[in-house]
């Protein structure tokens, strides 16, 4: 009798162990599948971000060239205007040339950061939508489109405002720079660094208030959506701006912009080398990444 009870108990324990093992294997398999789905979702988001940025950058460049039109200035100079007008045009050309380079660096950096931020936030929401049980409120295609439209707004209206902001800084920083003055590479490096720091410190500039360049018409965003979709859109925008305006993101933007200006200086150094001057011995100055 005791042997039968013992065997019965062992049988029950064995069955329970088998069930527990089966549940563990099922959970492990579910985690593997979940990990693979997340990895695939992340990879798809990265590919989308790269392709979208590649499509938007030419539009950004065209907008900068349109706002800071050097061709129109050179065309007027070819007409041999009076001396005073000619001098003013050359000063304008000086400002425009520097502004275009700075705007491309600042604009492309902030566009890339915002685009990647938006797509990852959107991808996360859509992933939760697909995997949540029971399913929660869904993001409509119209809401998603309105959310992503702010990058298009930046490439157009936002870039126009960026050009105006940078132009005011460059005009002030180059006011004492004569047209006959020949800059060494070190002096050019110092000038670019001063302009960059001026843009960084400018009140209402893109480093101090990036939201104004992406959402200057926020009151119109999603106006054709119903009330619930408008609330979801506001939350998506708020989440994106929280990331964009965080200290880590701002420091990243500063670092990438400095790298972009250093790359610009390296390209200019080729012309100085051809003219017989030595290239710069160090990259753009880094005056610290801390926020003001």
Protein backbone atom coordinates (compact mmCIF):
# COMPACT_ATOMS: atom_id res chain seq x y z
CA UNK A 1 0.00 0.00 0.00
CA UNK A 2 2.81 2.37 0.83
CA UNK A 3 4.63 1.44 -2.38
CA UNK A 4 1.51 2.20 -4.43
CA UNK A 5 1.10 5.56 -2.74
CA UNK A 6 4.76 6.35 -3.35
CA UNK A 7 4.55 5.41 -7.02
CA UNK A 8 1.37 7.44 -7.41
CA UNK A 9 3.00 10.43 -5.80
CA UNK A 10 6.06 10.15 -8.03
CA UNK A 11 3.82 9.91 -11.08
CA UNK A 12 1.96 13.07 -10.10
CA UNK A 13 5.23 14.91 -9.41
CA UNK A 14 6.57 13.76 -12.77
CA UNK A 15 3.51 15.02 -14.60
CA UNK A 16 3.71 18.37 -12.83
CA UNK A 17 7.37 18.64 -13.72
CA UNK A 18 6.60 17.89 -17.36
CA UNK A 19 3.92 20.56 -17.41
CA UNK A 20 6.22 23.08 -15.78
CA UNK A 21 8.99 22.26 -18.25
CA UNK A 22 6.55 22.62 -21.14
CA UNK A 23 5.43 26.02 -19.83
CA UNK A 24 9.05 27.13 -19.46
CA UNK A 25 9.85 26.08 -23.01
CA UNK A 26 6.72 27.81 -24.28
CA UNK A 27 7.69 31.01 -22.45
CA UNK A 28 11.25 30.83 -23.81
CA UNK A 29 9.90 30.32 -27.31
CA UNK A 30 7.54 33.28 -26.89
CA UNK A 31 10.41 35.48 -25.71
CA UNK A 32 12.55 34.45 -28.68
CA UNK A 33 9.72 35.27 -31.08
CA UNK A 34 9.08 38.57 -29.29
CA UNK A 35 12.77 39.48 -29.46
CA UNK A 36 12.88 38.66 -33.17
CA UNK A 37 9.78 40.77 -33.84
CA UNK A 38 11.24 43.73 -31.97
CA UNK A 39 14.53 43.41 -33.84
CA UNK A 40 12.71 43.28 -37.17
CA UNK A 41 10.55 46.26 -36.18
CA UNK A 42 13.64 48.25 -35.17
CA UNK A 43 15.49 47.39 -38.39
CA UNK A 44 12.51 48.42 -40.51
CA UNK A 45 12.31 51.72 -38.62
CA UNK A 46 16.02 52.41 -39.18
CA UNK A 47 15.69 51.73 -42.91
CA UNK A 48 12.63 53.99 -43.13
CA UNK A 49 14.47 56.77 -41.26
CA UNK A 50 17.49 56.56 -43.57
CA UNK A 51 15.37 56.57 -46.74
CA UNK A 52 13.15 59.43 -45.54
CA UNK A 53 16.13 61.55 -44.52
CA UNK A 54 17.75 60.92 -47.89
CA UNK A 55 14.58 62.19 -49.57
CA UNK A 56 14.25 65.29 -47.36
CA UNK A 57 17.85 66.53 -47.40
CA UNK A 58 17.77 67.73 -51.05
CA UNK A 59 14.60 69.69 -50.23
CA UNK A 60 16.36 71.24 -47.24
CA UNK A 61 19.33 72.23 -49.40
CA UNK A 62 17.07 73.74 -52.06
CA UNK A 63 15.22 75.77 -49.44
CA UNK A 64 18.49 77.10 -48.01
CA UNK A 65 19.72 78.04 -51.48
CA UNK A 66 16.39 79.72 -52.20
CA UNK A 67 16.42 81.75 -49.00
CA UNK A 68 20.11 82.61 -49.27
CA UNK A 69 20.37 83.19 -53.00
CA UNK A 70 23.99 83.78 -53.96
CA UNK A 71 23.30 83.52 -57.71
CA UNK A 72 21.08 86.59 -57.66
CA UNK A 73 23.84 88.59 -55.97
CA UNK A 74 26.54 87.50 -58.41
CA UNK A 75 24.19 88.30 -61.31
CA UNK A 76 23.84 91.87 -60.03
CA UNK A 77 27.61 92.15 -59.62
CA UNK A 78 28.10 91.18 -63.26
CA UNK A 79 26.04 94.21 -64.25
CA UNK A 80 28.77 96.45 -62.80
CA UNK A 81 26.66 98.48 -60.37
CA UNK A 82 27.83 101.77 -58.80
CA UNK A 83 30.66 101.46 -56.25
CA UNK A 84 28.46 101.84 -53.16
CA UNK A 85 25.96 99.23 -54.37
CA UNK A 86 28.80 96.97 -55.45
CA UNK A 87 30.35 97.14 -51.97
CA UNK A 88 27.01 96.35 -50.35
CA UNK A 89 26.52 93.38 -52.67
CA UNK A 90 29.95 91.98 -51.83
CA UNK A 91 29.21 92.29 -48.11
CA UNK A 92 25.88 90.57 -48.66
CA UNK A 93 27.61 87.79 -50.59
CA UNK A 94 30.05 87.32 -47.71
CA UNK A 95 27.19 86.90 -45.23
CA UNK A 96 25.21 84.60 -47.52
CA UNK A 97 28.18 82.32 -48.18
CA UNK A 98 28.79 81.73 -44.48
CA UNK A 99 25.08 81.45 -43.68
CA UNK A 100 24.49 78.73 -46.26
CA UNK A 101 27.16 76.49 -44.76
CA UNK A 102 26.01 77.03 -41.18
CA UNK A 103 22.32 76.53 -42.05
CA UNK A 104 23.00 73.26 -43.85
CA UNK A 105 24.90 71.87 -40.87
CA UNK A 106 22.37 73.02 -38.26
CA UNK A 107 19.33 72.19 -40.35
CA UNK A 108 20.37 68.71 -41.43
CA UNK A 109 21.42 67.81 -37.88
CA UNK A 110 18.13 68.82 -36.29
CA UNK A 111 16.11 67.29 -39.12
CA UNK A 112 17.88 63.95 -38.71
CA UNK A 113 17.38 63.94 -34.94
CA UNK A 114 13.70 64.88 -35.10
CA UNK A 115 12.94 62.44 -37.91
CA UNK A 116 14.58 59.53 -36.11
CA UNK A 117 12.84 60.50 -32.87
CA UNK A 118 9.43 60.66 -34.52
CA UNK A 119 9.75 57.41 -36.40
CA UNK A 120 10.90 55.50 -33.33
CA UNK A 121 8.07 56.92 -31.21
CA UNK A 122 5.56 56.09 -33.92
CA UNK A 123 7.01 52.62 -34.42
CA UNK A 124 6.78 51.96 -30.69
CA UNK A 125 3.13 53.02 -30.59
CA UNK A 126 2.27 50.87 -33.59
CA UNK A 127 4.09 47.90 -32.07
CA UNK A 128 2.10 48.26 -28.86
CA UNK A 129 -1.01 48.52 -30.98
CA UNK A 130 -0.26 45.19 -32.66
CA UNK A 131 0.75 43.27 -29.55
CA UNK A 132 -1.51 44.66 -26.81
CA UNK A 133 -4.29 42.44 -25.52
CA UNK A 134 -6.98 43.62 -25.39
CA UNK A 135 -6.19 46.04 -28.22
CA UNK A 136 -6.06 49.70 -27.22
CA UNK A 137 -6.99 52.83 -29.20
CA UNK A 138 -5.50 52.80 -32.66
CA UNK A 139 -3.59 55.57 -34.41
CA UNK A 140 -5.38 56.44 -37.62
CA UNK A 141 -3.36 56.91 -40.83
CA UNK A 142 -4.43 60.58 -40.83
CA UNK A 143 -3.00 61.05 -37.32
CA UNK A 144 0.26 59.40 -38.33
CA UNK A 145 0.51 61.63 -41.41
CA UNK A 146 -0.11 64.82 -39.41
CA UNK A 147 2.53 63.71 -36.94
CA UNK A 148 5.15 63.16 -39.61
CA UNK A 149 4.25 66.36 -41.48
CA UNK A 150 6.16 68.50 -38.98
CA UNK A 151 9.44 67.46 -40.62
CA UNK A 152 8.10 68.69 -43.94
CA UNK A 153 7.13 71.91 -42.19
CA UNK A 154 10.70 72.24 -40.92
CA UNK A 155 12.16 71.73 -44.40
CA UNK A 156 10.02 74.59 -45.71
CA UNK A 157 8.88 77.21 -43.20
CA UNK A 158 11.21 76.10 -40.42
CA UNK A 159 14.26 76.32 -42.66
CA UNK A 160 13.22 79.81 -43.75
CA UNK A 161 13.13 80.86 -40.11
CA UNK A 162 16.45 79.13 -39.47
CA UNK A 163 18.09 81.06 -42.33
CA UNK A 164 16.79 84.33 -40.91
CA UNK A 165 18.03 83.44 -37.43
CA UNK A 166 21.50 82.42 -38.60
CA UNK A 167 21.78 85.44 -40.90
CA UNK A 168 21.31 87.84 -38.00
CA UNK A 169 24.13 86.11 -36.09
CA UNK A 170 26.49 86.00 -39.08
CA UNK A 171 25.84 89.65 -39.92
CA UNK A 172 26.79 90.67 -36.39
CA UNK A 173 29.85 88.40 -36.22
CA UNK A 174 31.26 89.48 -39.60
CA UNK A 175 30.51 93.21 -39.34
CA UNK A 176 34.19 94.00 -38.79
CA UNK A 177 35.46 91.60 -41.42
CA UNK A 178 36.76 93.57 -44.39
CA UNK A 179 36.40 92.34 -47.93
CA UNK A 180 40.14 92.70 -48.54
CA UNK A 181 41.04 90.80 -45.39
CA UNK A 182 42.67 87.44 -46.11
CA UNK A 183 41.81 84.81 -43.50
CA UNK A 184 44.20 82.06 -42.53
CA UNK A 185 42.73 78.66 -41.76
CA UNK A 186 43.09 79.34 -38.05
CA UNK A 187 41.21 82.62 -38.43
CA UNK A 188 38.50 80.97 -40.50
CA UNK A 189 38.19 78.26 -37.88
CA UNK A 190 37.83 80.88 -35.18
CA UNK A 191 35.20 82.77 -37.20
CA UNK A 192 33.09 79.65 -37.79
CA UNK A 193 33.38 78.77 -34.13
CA UNK A 194 32.23 82.26 -33.09
CA UNK A 195 29.26 82.10 -35.47
CA UNK A 196 28.31 78.65 -34.18
CA UNK A 197 28.49 79.77 -30.55
CA UNK A 198 26.42 82.83 -31.46
CA UNK A 199 23.74 80.58 -32.96
CA UNK A 200 23.90 78.34 -29.92
CA UNK A 201 23.39 81.24 -27.50
CA UNK A 202 20.81 83.16 -29.54
CA UNK A 203 17.54 83.62 -27.69
CA UNK A 204 14.80 82.02 -29.76
CA UNK A 205 17.39 80.21 -31.91
CA UNK A 206 17.16 76.57 -32.86
CA UNK A 207 19.31 75.42 -29.94
CA UNK A 208 17.26 77.35 -27.39
CA UNK A 209 13.78 76.75 -28.85
CA UNK A 210 13.77 73.98 -31.46
CA UNK A 211 10.00 73.53 -31.15
CA UNK A 212 9.43 76.95 -32.75
CA UNK A 213 11.12 75.75 -35.95
CA UNK A 214 9.14 72.51 -36.15
CA UNK A 215 5.81 73.58 -34.69
CA UNK A 216 5.37 77.29 -35.38
CA UNK A 217 1.93 76.41 -36.72
CA UNK A 218 1.05 73.89 -34.08
CA UNK A 219 -2.43 75.35 -33.69
CA UNK A 220 -3.20 74.19 -37.25
CA UNK A 221 -1.77 70.69 -36.84
CA UNK A 222 -4.48 68.05 -37.00
CA UNK A 223 -7.31 70.55 -37.39
CA UNK A 224 -9.17 68.08 -39.66
CA UNK A 225 -8.94 65.23 -37.13
CA UNK A 226 -11.65 64.32 -34.67
CA UNK A 227 -11.18 65.20 -31.01
CA UNK A 228 -9.72 61.85 -29.96
CA UNK A 229 -7.20 61.82 -32.80
CA UNK A 230 -6.22 65.40 -32.01
CA UNK A 231 -5.45 64.37 -28.43
CA UNK A 232 -3.35 61.44 -29.65
CA UNK A 233 -1.52 63.76 -32.03
CA UNK A 234 -0.81 66.25 -29.23
CA UNK A 235 0.62 63.45 -27.11
CA UNK A 236 2.86 62.24 -29.94
CA UNK A 237 4.14 65.77 -30.51
CA UNK A 238 4.70 66.31 -26.79
CA UNK A 239 6.68 63.07 -26.54
CA UNK A 240 8.83 64.07 -29.54
CA UNK A 241 9.58 67.51 -28.12
CA UNK A 242 10.44 66.03 -24.73
CA UNK A 243 13.14 63.97 -26.46
CA UNK A 244 14.30 66.81 -28.73
CA UNK A 245 14.63 69.28 -25.86
CA UNK A 246 16.25 66.87 -23.40
CA UNK A 247 19.78 67.60 -22.25
CA UNK A 248 21.20 64.44 -23.84
CA UNK A 249 19.67 65.25 -27.22
CA UNK A 250 20.80 68.86 -27.11
CA UNK A 251 24.35 67.75 -26.31
CA UNK A 252 24.17 65.27 -29.19
CA UNK A 253 23.04 68.02 -31.57
CA UNK A 254 25.93 70.23 -30.46
CA UNK A 255 28.43 67.42 -30.96
CA UNK A 256 27.14 66.51 -34.42
CA UNK A 257 27.07 70.16 -35.52
CA UNK A 258 30.67 70.63 -34.40
CA UNK A 259 31.64 67.53 -36.36
CA UNK A 260 29.84 68.94 -39.40
CA UNK A 261 31.69 72.24 -39.14
CA UNK A 262 35.00 70.42 -38.69
CA UNK A 263 34.23 68.44 -41.86
CA UNK A 264 33.47 71.72 -43.64
CA UNK A 265 36.79 73.14 -42.50
CA UNK A 266 38.59 70.02 -43.75
CA UNK A 267 37.08 70.54 -47.19
CA UNK A 268 38.07 74.20 -47.24
CA UNK A 269 41.58 73.20 -46.14
CA UNK A 270 42.10 71.54 -49.52
CA UNK A 271 41.91 74.96 -51.19
CA UNK A 272 44.29 76.48 -48.67
CA UNK A 273 46.74 73.64 -49.21
CA UNK A 274 46.60 74.21 -52.96
CA UNK A 275 47.38 77.87 -52.30
CA UNK A 276 50.46 76.95 -50.27
CA UNK A 277 49.10 77.32 -46.74
CA UNK A 278 49.37 74.61 -44.10
CA UNK A 279 46.17 72.81 -43.10
CA UNK A 280 44.82 73.28 -39.56
CA UNK A 281 46.47 71.13 -36.92
CA UNK A 282 43.27 70.46 -34.97
CA UNK A 283 39.48 70.31 -35.51
CA UNK A 284 36.92 72.92 -34.58
CA UNK A 285 37.27 74.20 -31.04
CA UNK A 286 35.01 72.56 -28.49
CA UNK A 287 34.03 75.10 -25.91
CA UNK A 288 32.14 72.52 -23.90
CA UNK A 289 28.94 70.62 -24.41
CA UNK A 290 27.18 71.89 -21.36
CA UNK A 291 23.93 73.76 -21.88
CA UNK A 292 23.74 77.45 -21.09
